[in-house]
PDB file of N, CA and C in Angstrom:
ATOM      1  N   MET A   1     173.801  66.136 131.260  1.00  0.00           N
ATOM      2  CA  MET A   1     172.881  68.017 130.665  1.00  0.00           C
ATOM      3  C   MET A   1     171.335  67.467 130.547  1.00  0.00           C
ATOM      4  N   GLU A   2     171.016  65.917 130.007  1.00  0.00           N
ATOM      5  CA  GLU A   2     170.183  65.095 129.480  1.00  0.00           C
ATOM      6  C   GLU A   2     168.880  65.117 131.210  1.00  0.00           C
ATOM      7  N   ARG A   3     169.550  65.141 132.833  1.00  0.00           N
ATOM      8  CA  ARG A   3     168.886  64.597 133.196  1.00  0.00           C
ATOM      9  C   ARG A   3     168.468  66.427 133.794  1.00  0.00           C
ATOM     10  N   CYS A   4     169.385  67.545 133.239  1.00  0.00           N
ATOM     11  CA  CYS A   4     168.692  68.442 133.996  1.00  0.00           C
ATOM     12  C   CYS A   4     167.536  69.010 133.191  1.00  0.00           C
ATOM     13  N   LEU A   5     167.869  69.133 132.122  1.00  0.00           N
ATOM     14  CA  LEU A   5     166.964  69.444 130.785  1.00  0.00           C
ATOM     15  C   LEU A   5     165.748  68.349 130.254  1.00  0.00           C
ATOM     16  N   TYR A   6     165.712  67.169 130.112  1.00  0.00           N
ATOM     17  CA  TYR A   6     164.692  66.633 130.024  1.00  0.00           C
ATOM     18  C   TYR A   6     163.432  66.956 130.840  1.00  0.00           C
ATOM     19  N   PRO A   7     163.773  67.099 132.284  1.00  0.00           N
ATOM     20  CA  PRO A   7     162.472  66.830 132.983  1.00  0.00           C
ATOM     21  C   PRO A   7     162.220  68.585 132.964  1.00  0.00           C
ATOM     22  N   LEU A   8     162.708  69.053 132.349  1.00  0.00           N
ATOM     23  CA  LEU A   8     162.258  70.709 132.189  1.00  0.00           C
ATOM     24  C   LEU A   8     161.556  71.010 130.906  1.00  0.00           C
ATOM     25  N   ILE A   9     161.789  70.115 130.469  1.00  0.00           N
ATOM     26  CA  ILE A   9     161.634  70.406 128.826  1.00  0.00           C
ATOM     27  C   ILE A   9     160.086  69.612 129.014  1.00  0.00           C
ATOM     28  N   ASN A  10     159.848  68.513 130.149  1.00  0.00           N
ATOM     29  CA  ASN A  10     158.270  67.781 130.093  1.00  0.00           C
ATOM     30  C   ASN A  10     157.736  68.654 130.549  1.00  0.00           C
ATOM     31  N   GLU A  11     157.857  69.904 131.885  1.00  0.00           N
ATOM     32  CA  GLU A  11     156.942  70.376 132.598  1.00  0.00           C
ATOM     33  C   GLU A  11     156.609  71.366 131.900  1.00  0.00           C
ATOM     34  N   GLY A  12     158.166  71.661 130.964  1.00  0.00           N
ATOM     35  CA  GLY A  12     157.043  72.948 130.041  1.00  0.00           C
ATOM     36  C   GLY A  12     156.010  72.397 129.327  1.00  0.00           C
ATOM     37  N   ILE A  13     155.856  71.081 128.370  1.00  0.00           N
ATOM     38  CA  ILE A  13     155.396  70.696 127.206  1.00  0.00           C
ATOM     39  C   ILE A  13     153.795  70.902 128.816  1.00  0.00           C
ATOM     40  N   ARG A  14     153.908  70.331 129.760  1.00  0.00           N
ATOM     41  CA  ARG A  14     152.927  70.578 130.676  1.00  0.00           C
ATOM     42  C   ARG A  14     151.515  71.372 130.655  1.00  0.00           C
ATOM     43  N   ILE A  15     153.058  72.260 130.426  1.00  0.00           N
ATOM     44  CA  ILE A  15     151.986  73.741 131.144  1.00  0.00           C
ATOM     45  C   ILE A  15     151.307  74.041 129.827  1.00  0.00           C
ATOM     46  N   LEU A  16     152.083  73.438 128.747  1.00  0.00           N
ATOM     47  CA  LEU A  16     151.182  73.454 127.144  1.00  0.00           C
ATOM     48  C   LEU A  16     149.898  73.190 127.378  1.00  0.00           C
ATOM     49  N   GLU A  17     150.385  72.126 127.699  1.00  0.00           N
ATOM     50  CA  GLU A  17     148.886  70.872 127.850  1.00  0.00           C
ATOM     51  C   GLU A  17     147.929  71.290 128.552  1.00  0.00           C
ATOM     52  N   GLU A  18     148.410  72.168 129.715  1.00  0.00           N
ATOM     53  CA  GLU A  18     147.319  73.007 130.697  1.00  0.00           C
ATOM     54  C   GLU A  18     146.143  74.243 130.155  1.00  0.00           C
ATOM     55  N   GLY A  19     147.028  74.671 129.362  1.00  0.00           N
ATOM     56  CA  GLY A  19     147.336  75.918 128.780  1.00  0.00           C
ATOM     57  C   GLY A  19     147.446  77.150 129.518  1.00  0.00           C
ATOM     58  N   ILE A  20     148.825  76.868 130.339  1.00  0.00           N
ATOM     59  CA  ILE A  20     148.987  77.866 131.053  1.00  0.00           C
ATOM     60  C   ILE A  20     149.663  78.750 129.735  1.00  0.00           C
ATOM     61  N   ALA A  21     150.136  78.302 129.027  1.00  0.00           N
ATOM     62  CA  ALA A  21     151.093  79.378 128.163  1.00  0.00           C
ATOM     63  C   ALA A  21     150.313  78.359 126.431  1.00  0.00           C
ATOM     64  N   LEU A  22     150.257  79.725 125.872  1.00  0.00           N
ATOM     65  CA  LEU A  22     149.736  79.409 124.828  1.00  0.00           C
ATOM     66  C   LEU A  22     150.352  78.637 123.707  1.00  0.00           C
ATOM     67  N   ARG A  23     151.531  78.693 123.890  1.00  0.00           N
ATOM     68  CA  ARG A  23     152.621  78.579 122.318  1.00  0.00           C
ATOM     69  C   ARG A  23     154.409  78.154 123.208  1.00  0.00           C
ATOM     70  N   ALA A  24     154.844  77.160 122.462  1.00  0.00           N
ATOM     71  CA  ALA A  24     156.210  77.081 123.349  1.00  0.00           C
ATOM     72  C   ALA A  24     156.746  77.860 123.455  1.00  0.00           C
ATOM     73  N   ALA A  25     157.327  78.701 122.362  1.00  0.00           N
ATOM     74  CA  ALA A  25     158.235  79.780 122.667  1.00  0.00           C
ATOM     75  C   ALA A  25     157.535  81.005 123.405  1.00  0.00           C
ATOM     76  N   ASP A  26     156.164  80.703 123.764  1.00  0.00           N
ATOM     77  CA  ASP A  26     155.839  81.789 125.460  1.00  0.00           C
ATOM     78  C   ASP A  26     156.845  80.832 126.442  1.00  0.00           C
ATOM     79  N   VAL A  27     157.349  79.918 126.866  1.00  0.00           N
ATOM     80  CA  VAL A  27     157.808  79.110 127.896  1.00  0.00           C
ATOM     81  C   VAL A  27     159.000  79.267 127.541  1.00  0.00           C
ATOM     82  N   ASP A  28     159.802  79.545 126.102  1.00  0.00           N
ATOM     83  CA  ASP A  28     161.235  79.992 125.592  1.00  0.00           C
ATOM     84  C   ASP A  28     161.231  81.095 126.258  1.00  0.00           C
ATOM     85  N   VAL A  29     160.208  81.978 126.199  1.00  0.00           N
ATOM     86  CA  VAL A  29     160.552  83.553 126.414  1.00  0.00           C
ATOM     87  C   VAL A  29     161.108  84.030 127.849  1.00  0.00           C
ATOM     88  N   VAL A  30     159.740  82.626 129.134  1.00  0.00           N
ATOM     89  CA  VAL A  30     160.198  82.948 129.911  1.00  0.00           C
ATOM     90  C   VAL A  30     161.597  82.299 130.764  1.00  0.00           C
ATOM     91  N   TRP A  31     161.509  81.672 130.367  1.00  0.00           N
ATOM     92  CA  TRP A  31     163.389  80.501 130.185  1.00  0.00           C
ATOM     93  C   TRP A  31     164.575  81.765 130.025  1.00  0.00           C
ATOM     94  N   CYS A  32     164.530  82.594 129.549  1.00  0.00           N
ATOM     95  CA  CYS A  32     165.365  83.427 128.633  1.00  0.00           C
ATOM     96  C   CYS A  32     165.128  84.366 129.296  1.00  0.00           C
ATOM     97  N   ALA A  33     164.248  85.174 129.697  1.00  0.00           N
ATOM     98  CA  ALA A  33     164.496  85.873 129.775  1.00  0.00           C
ATOM     99  C   ALA A  33     164.467  86.582 131.599  1.00  0.00           C
ATOM    100  N   GLY A  34     163.271  85.158 132.147  1.00  0.00           N
ATOM    101  CA  GLY A  34     163.230  85.656 133.585  1.00  0.00           C
ATOM    102  C   GLY A  34     164.309  84.231 133.969  1.00  0.00           C
ATOM    103  N   TYR A  35     164.860  83.244 133.529  1.00  0.00           N
ATOM    104  CA  TYR A  35     166.003  82.091 134.850  1.00  0.00           C
ATOM    105  C   TYR A  35     167.085  82.115 133.964  1.00  0.00           C
ATOM    106  N   GLY A  36     167.319  83.127 133.031  1.00  0.00           N
ATOM    107  CA  GLY A  36     168.865  82.762 132.414  1.00  0.00           C
ATOM    108  C   GLY A  36     169.347  81.451 131.392  1.00  0.00           C
ATOM    109  N   PHE A  37     168.212  81.426 130.935  1.00  0.00           N
ATOM    110  CA  PHE A  37     168.733  80.408 129.309  1.00  0.00           C
ATOM    111  C   PHE A  37     169.299  80.914 128.819  1.00  0.00           C
ATOM    112  N   PRO A  38     170.344  80.140 128.531  1.00  0.00           N
ATOM    113  CA  PRO A  38     171.182  79.981 127.517  1.00  0.00           C
ATOM    114  C   PRO A  38     170.107  81.087 126.015  1.00  0.00           C
ATOM    115  N   ARG A  39     170.409  82.021 125.230  1.00  0.00           N
ATOM    116  CA  ARG A  39     169.026  82.417 124.528  1.00  0.00           C
ATOM    117  C   ARG A  39     170.041  82.186 123.707  1.00  0.00           C
ATOM    118  N   TYR A  40     171.237  82.031 122.845  1.00  0.00           N
ATOM    119  CA  TYR A  40     171.754  81.461 122.344  1.00  0.00           C
ATOM    120  C   TYR A  40     171.043  79.946 121.762  1.00  0.00           C
ATOM    121  N   ARG A  41     170.544  79.422 122.557  1.00  0.00           N
ATOM    122  CA  ARG A  41     170.018  77.622 122.439  1.00  0.00           C
ATOM    123  C   ARG A  41     168.665  77.809 121.956  1.00  0.00           C
ATOM    124  N   GLY A  42     168.086  79.100 122.234  1.00  0.00           N
ATOM    125  CA  GLY A  42     166.701  79.204 121.753  1.00  0.00           C
ATOM    126  C   GLY A  42     164.995  78.949 122.702  1.00  0.00           C
ATOM    127  N   GLY A  43     165.782  78.488 123.976  1.00  0.00           N
ATOM    128  CA  GLY A  43     164.600  78.088 125.437  1.00  0.00           C
ATOM    129  C   GLY A  43     164.970  76.809 124.913  1.00  0.00           C
ATOM    130  N   PRO A  44     164.427  76.485 126.212  1.00  0.00           N
ATOM    131  CA  PRO A  44     164.238  74.873 126.583  1.00  0.00           C
ATOM    132  C   PRO A  44     162.964  73.648 125.113  1.00  0.00           C
ATOM    133  N   MET A  45     161.917  74.642 124.841  1.00  0.00           N
ATOM    134  CA  MET A  45     161.596  74.058 124.036  1.00  0.00           C
ATOM    135  C   MET A  45     161.804  74.095 122.677  1.00  0.00           C
ATOM    136  N   PHE A  46     162.451  74.893 122.089  1.00  0.00           N
ATOM    137  CA  PHE A  46     162.852  75.330 120.926  1.00  0.00           C
ATOM    138  C   PHE A  46     164.243  73.877 121.231  1.00  0.00           C
ATOM    139  N   TYR A  47     165.125  73.616 122.202  1.00  0.00           N
ATOM    140  CA  TYR A  47     166.139  72.727 122.108  1.00  0.00           C
ATOM    141  C   TYR A  47     165.510  71.264 122.018  1.00  0.00           C
ATOM    142  N   ALA A  48     164.093  71.377 122.556  1.00  0.00           N
ATOM    143  CA  ALA A  48     163.702  69.743 121.975  1.00  0.00           C
ATOM    144  C   ALA A  48     163.091  69.759 121.031  1.00  0.00           C
ATOM    145  N   ASP A  49     162.736  70.884 119.996  1.00  0.00           N
ATOM    146  CA  ASP A  49     162.401  70.802 118.782  1.00  0.00           C
ATOM    147  C   ASP A  49     163.769  69.791 117.799  1.00  0.00           C
ATOM    148  N   THR A  50     164.551  70.839 118.080  1.00  0.00           N
ATOM    149  CA  THR A  50     166.168  70.748 117.647  1.00  0.00           C
ATOM    150  C   THR A  50     166.245  68.752 118.303  1.00  0.00           C
ATOM    151  N   ILE A  51     166.547  68.792 118.917  1.00  0.00           N
ATOM    152  CA  ILE A  51     166.854  67.695 119.808  1.00  0.00           C
ATOM    153  C   ILE A  51     165.870  66.269 118.949  1.00  0.00           C
ATOM    154  N   GLY A  52     164.696  66.520 119.124  1.00  0.00           N
ATOM    155  CA  GLY A  52     163.850  65.690 118.543  1.00  0.00           C
ATOM    156  C   GLY A  52     162.835  65.513 119.838  1.00  0.00           C
ATOM    157  N   LEU A  53     161.351  65.501 119.536  1.00  0.00           N
ATOM    158  CA  LEU A  53     160.417  64.974 120.954  1.00  0.00           C
ATOM    159  C   LEU A  53     160.514  63.790 121.228  1.00  0.00           C
ATOM    160  N   LYS A  54     160.952  62.886 120.149  1.00  0.00           N
ATOM    161  CA  LYS A  54     161.037  61.225 120.349  1.00  0.00           C
ATOM    162  C   LYS A  54     162.246  61.566 121.014  1.00  0.00           C
ATOM    163  N   THR A  55     163.546  61.773 120.764  1.00  0.00           N
ATOM    164  CA  THR A  55     164.502  62.068 121.810  1.00  0.00           C
ATOM    165  C   THR A  55     164.528  62.034 123.316  1.00  0.00           C
ATOM    166  N   VAL A  56     163.542  63.185 123.431  1.00  0.00           N
ATOM    167  CA  VAL A  56     163.464  63.464 125.013  1.00  0.00           C
ATOM    168  C   VAL A  56     162.391  62.492 125.696  1.00  0.00           C
ATOM    169  N   HIS A  57     161.663  62.327 124.600  1.00  0.00           N
ATOM    170  CA  HIS A  57     160.900  61.161 125.482  1.00  0.00           C
ATOM    171  C   HIS A  57     161.274  59.951 125.666  1.00  0.00           C
ATOM    172  N   ASP A  58     161.938  58.891 124.798  1.00  0.00           N
ATOM    173  CA  ASP A  58     163.149  58.055 124.999  1.00  0.00           C
ATOM    174  C   ASP A  58     163.818  58.117 126.064  1.00  0.00           C
ATOM    175  N   GLY A  59     164.470  59.408 126.437  1.00  0.00           N
ATOM    176  CA  GLY A  59     165.415  60.154 127.690  1.00  0.00           C
ATOM    177  C   GLY A  59     164.667  59.991 129.139  1.00  0.00           C
ATOM    178  N   MET A  60     163.657  60.278 129.043  1.00  0.00           N
ATOM    179  CA  MET A  60     162.477  60.664 129.617  1.00  0.00           C
ATOM    180  C   MET A  60     161.782  59.023 130.282  1.00  0.00           C
ATOM    181  N   LEU A  61     161.726  57.893 129.544  1.00  0.00           N
ATOM    182  CA  LEU A  61     162.261  56.632 129.954  1.00  0.00           C
ATOM    183  C   LEU A  61     163.107  55.762 130.243  1.00  0.00           C
ATOM    184  N   LYS A  62     164.045  56.282 129.849  1.00  0.00           N
ATOM    185  CA  LYS A  62     165.610  55.693 130.592  1.00  0.00           C
ATOM    186  C   LYS A  62     165.802  56.039 131.951  1.00  0.00           C
ATOM    187  N   TYR A  63     165.478  57.316 132.189  1.00  0.00           N
ATOM    188  CA  TYR A  63     166.026  57.833 133.784  1.00  0.00           C
ATOM    189  C   TYR A  63     164.633  57.668 134.472  1.00  0.00           C
ATOM    190  N   ARG A  64     163.655  56.887 133.925  1.00  0.00           N
ATOM    191  CA  ARG A  64     162.265  56.664 134.821  1.00  0.00           C
ATOM    192  C   ARG A  64     162.995  55.187 134.803  1.00  0.00           C
ATOM    193  N   GLU A  65     163.556  54.507 134.077  1.00  0.00           N
ATOM    194  CA  GLU A  65     163.884  52.848 134.645  1.00  0.00           C
ATOM    195  C   GLU A  65     164.728  52.994 135.430  1.00  0.00           C
ATOM    196  N   LEU A  66     166.054  53.818 135.560  1.00  0.00           N
ATOM    197  CA  LEU A  66     166.698  54.020 136.624  1.00  0.00           C
ATOM    198  C   LEU A  66     166.651  54.501 137.998  1.00  0.00           C
ATOM    199  N   PHE A  67     165.303  55.485 138.265  1.00  0.00           N
ATOM    200  CA  PHE A  67     165.421  56.194 139.336  1.00  0.00           C
ATOM    201  C   PHE A  67     163.869  56.711 139.605  1.00  0.00           C
ATOM    202  N   GLY A  68     162.893  55.767 138.764  1.00  0.00           N
ATOM    203  CA  GLY A  68     161.401  56.034 139.315  1.00  0.00           C
ATOM    204  C   GLY A  68     160.677  57.133 138.766  1.00  0.00           C
ATOM    205  N   PRO A  69     159.193  56.864 139.284  1.00  0.00           N
ATOM    206  CA  PRO A  69     158.546  57.896 137.971  1.00  0.00           C
ATOM    207  C   PRO A  69     158.326  59.511 138.557  1.00  0.00           C
ATOM    208  N   MET A  70     159.053  59.954 139.735  1.00  0.00           N
ATOM    209  CA  MET A  70     158.770  60.875 140.639  1.00  0.00           C
ATOM    210  C   MET A  70     158.785  62.136 139.707  1.00  0.00           C
ATOM    211  N   HIS A  71     160.108  62.424 138.956  1.00  0.00           N
ATOM    212  CA  HIS A  71     160.261  63.122 137.986  1.00  0.00           C
ATOM    213  C   HIS A  71     160.279  63.037 136.450  1.00  0.00           C
ATOM    214  N   TRP A  72     160.433  61.828 136.302  1.00  0.00           N
ATOM    215  CA  TRP A  72     160.405  61.194 135.015  1.00  0.00           C
ATOM    216  C   TRP A  72     159.522  60.579 133.966  1.00  0.00           C
ATOM    217  N   GLN A  73     158.474  60.566 134.953  1.00  0.00           N
ATOM    218  CA  GLN A  73     157.139  60.326 133.956  1.00  0.00           C
ATOM    219  C   GLN A  73     156.373  61.701 132.509  1.00  0.00           C
ATOM    220  N   PRO A  74     156.954  60.945 131.207  1.00  0.00           N
ATOM    221  CA  PRO A  74     156.837  61.964 129.993  1.00  0.00           C
ATOM    222  C   PRO A  74     155.493  62.303 130.390  1.00  0.00           C
ATOM    223  N   SER A  75     154.873  63.499 129.774  1.00  0.00           N
ATOM    224  CA  SER A  75     153.069  64.235 129.927  1.00  0.00           C
ATOM    225  C   SER A  75     153.022  63.353 128.375  1.00  0.00           C
ATOM    226  N   PRO A  76     151.666  63.100 129.200  1.00  0.00           N
ATOM    227  CA  PRO A  76     150.712  62.884 127.747  1.00  0.00           C
ATOM    228  C   PRO A  76     150.988  63.442 126.180  1.00  0.00           C
ATOM    229  N   LEU A  77     150.997  64.734 126.997  1.00  0.00           N
ATOM    230  CA  LEU A  77     151.362  65.990 125.169  1.00  0.00           C
ATOM    231  C   LEU A  77     152.254  64.772 124.902  1.00  0.00           C
ATOM    232  N   LEU A  78     153.874  64.995 125.268  1.00  0.00           N
ATOM    233  CA  LEU A  78     154.809  63.992 125.225  1.00  0.00           C
ATOM    234  C   LEU A  78     154.904  63.147 124.245  1.00  0.00           C
ATOM    235  N   ALA A  79     154.001  62.045 124.684  1.00  0.00           N
ATOM    236  CA  ALA A  79     153.936  60.773 124.609  1.00  0.00           C
ATOM    237  C   ALA A  79     153.880  61.364 123.130  1.00  0.00           C
ATOM    238  N   ARG A  80     152.238  61.616 122.952  1.00  0.00           N
ATOM    239  CA  ARG A  80     151.541  61.841 121.693  1.00  0.00           C
ATOM    240  C   ARG A  80     152.424  62.091 120.706  1.00  0.00           C
ATOM    241  N   LEU A  81     152.919  62.933 120.785  1.00  0.00           N
ATOM    242  CA  LEU A  81     153.905  64.298 119.772  1.00  0.00           C
ATOM    243  C   LEU A  81     155.375  63.474 119.650  1.00  0.00           C
ATOM    244  N   ALA A  82     155.744  62.358 120.800  1.00  0.00           N
ATOM    245  CA  ALA A  82     156.500  61.748 120.107  1.00  0.00           C
ATOM    246  C   ALA A  82     156.257  60.082 119.247  1.00  0.00           C
ATOM    247  N   SER A  83     155.415  60.279 119.609  1.00  0.00           N
ATOM    248  CA  SER A  83     154.480  58.639 119.065  1.00  0.00           C
ATOM    249  C   SER A  83     154.325  59.327 117.520  1.00  0.00           C
ATOM    250  N   GLU A  84     153.827  60.237 116.914  1.00  0.00           N
ATOM    251  CA  GLU A  84     153.135  61.051 115.498  1.00  0.00           C
ATOM    252  C   GLU A  84     154.688  60.963 115.094  1.00  0.00           C
ATOM    253  N   GLY A  85     155.704  61.696 115.612  1.00  0.00           N
ATOM    254  CA  GLY A  85     157.083  61.960 114.836  1.00  0.00           C
ATOM    255  C   GLY A  85     156.851  63.821 115.107  1.00  0.00           C
ATOM    256  N   ARG A  86     155.423  64.246 115.550  1.00  0.00           N
ATOM    257  CA  ARG A  86     155.571  65.558 115.618  1.00  0.00           C
ATOM    258  C   ARG A  86     156.402  66.750 116.334  1.00  0.00           C
ATOM    259  N   SER A  87     156.958  67.686 116.199  1.00  0.00           N
ATOM    260  CA  SER A  87     157.252  68.627 116.533  1.00  0.00           C
ATOM    261  C   SER A  87     156.079  69.528 117.664  1.00  0.00           C
ATOM    262  N   LEU A  88     157.022  70.298 118.523  1.00  0.00           N
ATOM    263  CA  LEU A  88     156.210  71.760 119.076  1.00  0.00           C
ATOM    264  C   LEU A  88     155.645  72.524 118.000  1.00  0.00           C
ATOM    265  N   ALA A  89     156.955  73.108 117.623  1.00  0.00           N
ATOM    266  CA  ALA A  89     156.556  73.402 115.755  1.00  0.00           C
ATOM    267  C   ALA A  89     155.152  73.202 115.550  1.00  0.00           C
ATOM    268  N   ASP A  90     155.047  71.983 115.230  1.00  0.00           N
ATOM    269  CA  ASP A  90     153.686  71.530 114.260  1.00  0.00           C
ATOM    270  C   ASP A  90     152.454  71.703 115.550  1.00  0.00           C
ATOM    271  N   TRP A  91     152.693  71.236 116.440  1.00  0.00           N
ATOM    272  CA  TRP A  91     151.537  71.599 117.596  1.00  0.00           C
ATOM    273  C   TRP A  91     150.884  72.806 117.598  1.00  0.00           C
ATOM    274  N   ASP A  92     151.979  74.136 117.481  1.00  0.00           N
ATOM    275  CA  ASP A  92     151.782  75.194 117.670  1.00  0.00           C
ATOM    276  C   ASP A  92     151.039  75.655 116.626  1.00  0.00           C
ATOM    277  N   ALA A  93     151.520  75.413 115.278  1.00  0.00           N
ATOM    278  CA  ALA A  93     150.577  75.599 114.163  1.00  0.00           C
ATOM    279  C   ALA A  93     149.249  74.997 114.177  1.00  0.00           C
ATOM    280  N   ALA A  94     148.921  73.540 113.921  1.00  0.00           N
ATOM    281  CA  ALA A  94     147.939  73.293 114.043  1.00  0.00           C
ATOM    282  C   ALA A  94     147.061  73.807 115.155  1.00  0.00           C
ATOM    283  N   ARG A  95     147.558  74.500 116.137  1.00  0.00           N
ATOM    284  CA  ARG A  95     146.755  74.991 117.271  1.00  0.00           C
ATOM    285  C   ARG A  95     146.030  76.545 116.740  1.00  0.00           C
ATOM    286  N   GLN A  96     146.642  76.910 116.463  1.00  0.00           N
ATOM    287  CA  GLN A  96     146.471  78.555 115.700  1.00  0.00           C
ATOM    288  C   GLN A  96     145.515  78.310 114.486  1.00  0.00           C
ATOM    289  N   ARG A  97     145.604  77.254 113.466  1.00  0.00           N
ATOM    290  CA  ARG A  97     144.616  76.978 112.534  1.00  0.00           C
ATOM    291  C   ARG A  97     142.966  76.401 113.358  1.00  0.00           C
ATOM    292  N   GLN A  98     142.992  76.215 114.863  1.00  0.00           N
ATOM    293  CA  GLN A  98     142.059  76.282 115.376  1.00  0.00           C
ATOM    294  C   GLN A  98     141.258  77.114 115.573  1.00  0.00           C
TER     295      GLN A  98
END
């Protein structure tokens, strides 16, 4: 499950970082309504906040060691939020205050 979801989450965070989506919930809506991600899970970004961004980041690093960086390089935003102990919800709230 990690090998399927962690790159998906990482790419969602890249989409946020690039400004393509405004909020993590926007990415979740696309995955739930458009791609069939289970709605009861809340979407991949919500799931990432549920298990913790540090868990996702550490998993990305673990798989990067095993398989190389091609799909396993954590996005800079993921690395920063994980090191600060913040969530995507925290990041969304901070952006709304700006």
